Amino acid sequence: MTYHVPSSPIQVSAFLDIQDYNYNNSMYTRKVLMRILVLYVHKKVCMRIILL
């Protein structure tokens, strides 16, 4: 199963890669971002199933 991921999370992750040089808690930020992304994709899939 393939998910269509919008380009905005990729841009956010690239922004976080730049921020890695500034913050020590970059791993925590990336973990939060991944959790938000998973919730977003899960919500989209659930909405698609409901619509079907």
N, C-alpha and C. Protein backbone atom coordinates (compact mmCIF):
# COMPACT_ATOMS: atom_id res chain seq x y z
N MET A 1 0.85 -1.20 0.00
CA MET A 1 0.00 0.00 0.00
C MET A 1 0.88 1.25 0.00
N THR A 2 0.63 2.15 -0.91
CA THR A 2 1.43 3.37 -0.98
C THR A 2 0.57 4.56 -0.59
N TYR A 3 1.14 5.43 0.20
CA TYR A 3 0.43 6.64 0.63
C TYR A 3 0.95 7.83 -0.17
N HIS A 4 0.03 8.71 -0.54
CA HIS A 4 0.43 9.95 -1.20
C HIS A 4 0.75 10.97 -0.12
N VAL A 5 2.04 11.26 0.05
CA VAL A 5 2.47 12.20 1.08
C VAL A 5 2.68 13.56 0.42
N PRO A 6 2.05 14.60 0.93
CA PRO A 6 2.24 15.93 0.35
C PRO A 6 3.67 16.41 0.54
N SER A 7 4.03 17.44 -0.21
CA SER A 7 5.41 17.90 -0.20
C SER A 7 5.74 18.69 1.05
N SER A 8 4.74 19.15 1.80
CA SER A 8 5.03 19.99 2.96
C SER A 8 5.82 19.26 4.05
N PRO A 9 5.50 17.99 4.41
CA PRO A 9 6.34 17.34 5.43
C PRO A 9 7.79 17.18 4.98
N ILE A 10 8.01 17.00 3.69
CA ILE A 10 9.38 16.89 3.19
C ILE A 10 10.10 18.23 3.40
N GLN A 11 9.41 19.32 3.12
CA GLN A 11 10.01 20.63 3.34
C GLN A 11 10.27 20.86 4.82
N VAL A 12 9.34 20.42 5.67
CA VAL A 12 9.54 20.57 7.11
C VAL A 12 10.74 19.76 7.57
N SER A 13 10.90 18.55 7.05
CA SER A 13 12.03 17.72 7.46
C SER A 13 13.34 18.34 6.97
N ALA A 14 13.33 18.93 5.77
CA ALA A 14 14.53 19.61 5.29
C ALA A 14 14.84 20.80 6.18
N PHE A 15 13.80 21.53 6.61
CA PHE A 15 14.00 22.65 7.53
C PHE A 15 14.58 22.15 8.85
N LEU A 16 14.10 21.00 9.33
CA LEU A 16 14.63 20.44 10.58
C LEU A 16 16.09 20.01 10.41
N ASP A 17 16.45 19.52 9.21
CA ASP A 17 17.85 19.16 8.98
C ASP A 17 18.74 20.38 9.11
N ILE A 18 18.24 21.54 8.65
CA ILE A 18 19.00 22.78 8.81
C ILE A 18 19.06 23.16 10.29
N GLN A 19 17.95 22.96 11.00
CA GLN A 19 17.90 23.31 12.41
C GLN A 19 18.77 22.39 13.27
N ASP A 20 19.18 21.24 12.71
CA ASP A 20 20.01 20.31 13.49
C ASP A 20 21.27 20.99 14.01
N TYR A 21 21.79 21.94 13.25
CA TYR A 21 23.01 22.62 13.66
C TYR A 21 22.74 23.58 14.82
N ASN A 22 21.49 23.98 15.00
CA ASN A 22 21.17 24.97 16.02
C ASN A 22 20.69 24.34 17.33
N TYR A 23 19.97 23.22 17.23
CA TYR A 23 19.36 22.65 18.43
C TYR A 23 19.96 21.28 18.74
N ASN A 24 20.04 20.99 20.03
CA ASN A 24 20.51 19.67 20.46
C ASN A 24 19.37 18.67 20.51
N ASN A 25 18.13 19.14 20.59
CA ASN A 25 16.98 18.25 20.72
C ASN A 25 16.35 17.98 19.36
N SER A 26 17.19 17.90 18.31
CA SER A 26 16.65 17.69 16.97
C SER A 26 15.99 16.32 16.86
N MET A 27 16.53 15.31 17.55
CA MET A 27 15.94 13.97 17.49
C MET A 27 14.54 14.00 18.08
N TYR A 28 14.35 14.75 19.18
CA TYR A 28 13.02 14.88 19.78
C TYR A 28 12.07 15.57 18.81
N THR A 29 12.56 16.63 18.16
CA THR A 29 11.71 17.35 17.20
C THR A 29 11.32 16.44 16.04
N ARG A 30 12.27 15.63 15.56
CA ARG A 30 11.98 14.73 14.45
C ARG A 30 10.97 13.66 14.89
N LYS A 31 11.09 13.21 16.14
CA LYS A 31 10.14 12.21 16.64
C LYS A 31 8.73 12.80 16.67
N VAL A 32 8.62 14.03 17.13
CA VAL A 32 7.31 14.70 17.16
C VAL A 32 6.78 14.87 15.74
N LEU A 33 7.65 15.26 14.81
CA LEU A 33 7.22 15.45 13.42
C LEU A 33 6.73 14.13 12.83
N MET A 34 7.45 13.05 13.09
CA MET A 34 7.04 11.75 12.57
C MET A 34 5.69 11.34 13.16
N ARG A 35 5.48 11.63 14.45
CA ARG A 35 4.20 11.28 15.07
C ARG A 35 3.06 12.07 14.44
N ILE A 36 3.30 13.36 14.18
CA ILE A 36 2.27 14.19 13.52
C ILE A 36 2.01 13.65 12.11
N LEU A 37 3.07 13.28 11.40
CA LEU A 37 2.90 12.78 10.03
C LEU A 37 2.12 11.47 10.02
N VAL A 38 2.43 10.58 10.96
CA VAL A 38 1.72 9.30 11.03
C VAL A 38 0.25 9.54 11.34
N LEU A 39 -0.03 10.45 12.29
CA LEU A 39 -1.42 10.75 12.62
C LEU A 39 -2.15 11.34 11.41
N TYR A 40 -1.46 12.21 10.67
CA TYR A 40 -2.06 12.85 9.50
C TYR A 40 -2.40 11.82 8.43
N VAL A 41 -1.45 10.92 8.14
CA VAL A 41 -1.68 9.89 7.12
C VAL A 41 -2.79 8.94 7.59
N HIS A 42 -2.76 8.57 8.86
CA HIS A 42 -3.78 7.67 9.40
C HIS A 42 -5.16 8.30 9.30
N LYS A 43 -5.25 9.59 9.58
CA LYS A 43 -6.53 10.30 9.50
C LYS A 43 -7.03 10.33 8.06
N LYS A 44 -6.11 10.58 7.12
CA LYS A 44 -6.50 10.62 5.70
C LYS A 44 -7.01 9.26 5.24
N VAL A 45 -6.31 8.20 5.65
CA VAL A 45 -6.72 6.85 5.24
C VAL A 45 -8.08 6.52 5.84
N CYS A 46 -8.29 6.87 7.11
CA CYS A 46 -9.58 6.60 7.74
C CYS A 46 -10.70 7.38 7.05
N MET A 47 -10.43 8.63 6.71
CA MET A 47 -11.44 9.43 6.01
C MET A 47 -11.76 8.81 4.65
N ARG A 48 -10.74 8.29 3.97
CA ARG A 48 -10.96 7.67 2.66
C ARG A 48 -11.80 6.41 2.81
N ILE A 49 -11.53 5.63 3.85
CA ILE A 49 -12.30 4.41 4.07
C ILE A 49 -13.75 4.77 4.39
N ILE A 50 -13.95 5.82 5.20
CA ILE A 50 -15.32 6.24 5.53
C ILE A 50 -16.04 6.71 4.27
N LEU A 51 -15.32 7.45 3.41
CA LEU A 51 -15.96 7.95 2.19
C LEU A 51 -16.29 6.81 1.24
N LEU A 52 -15.48 5.77 1.24
CA LEU A 52 -15.78 4.62 0.38
C LEU A 52 -16.97 3.87 0.95
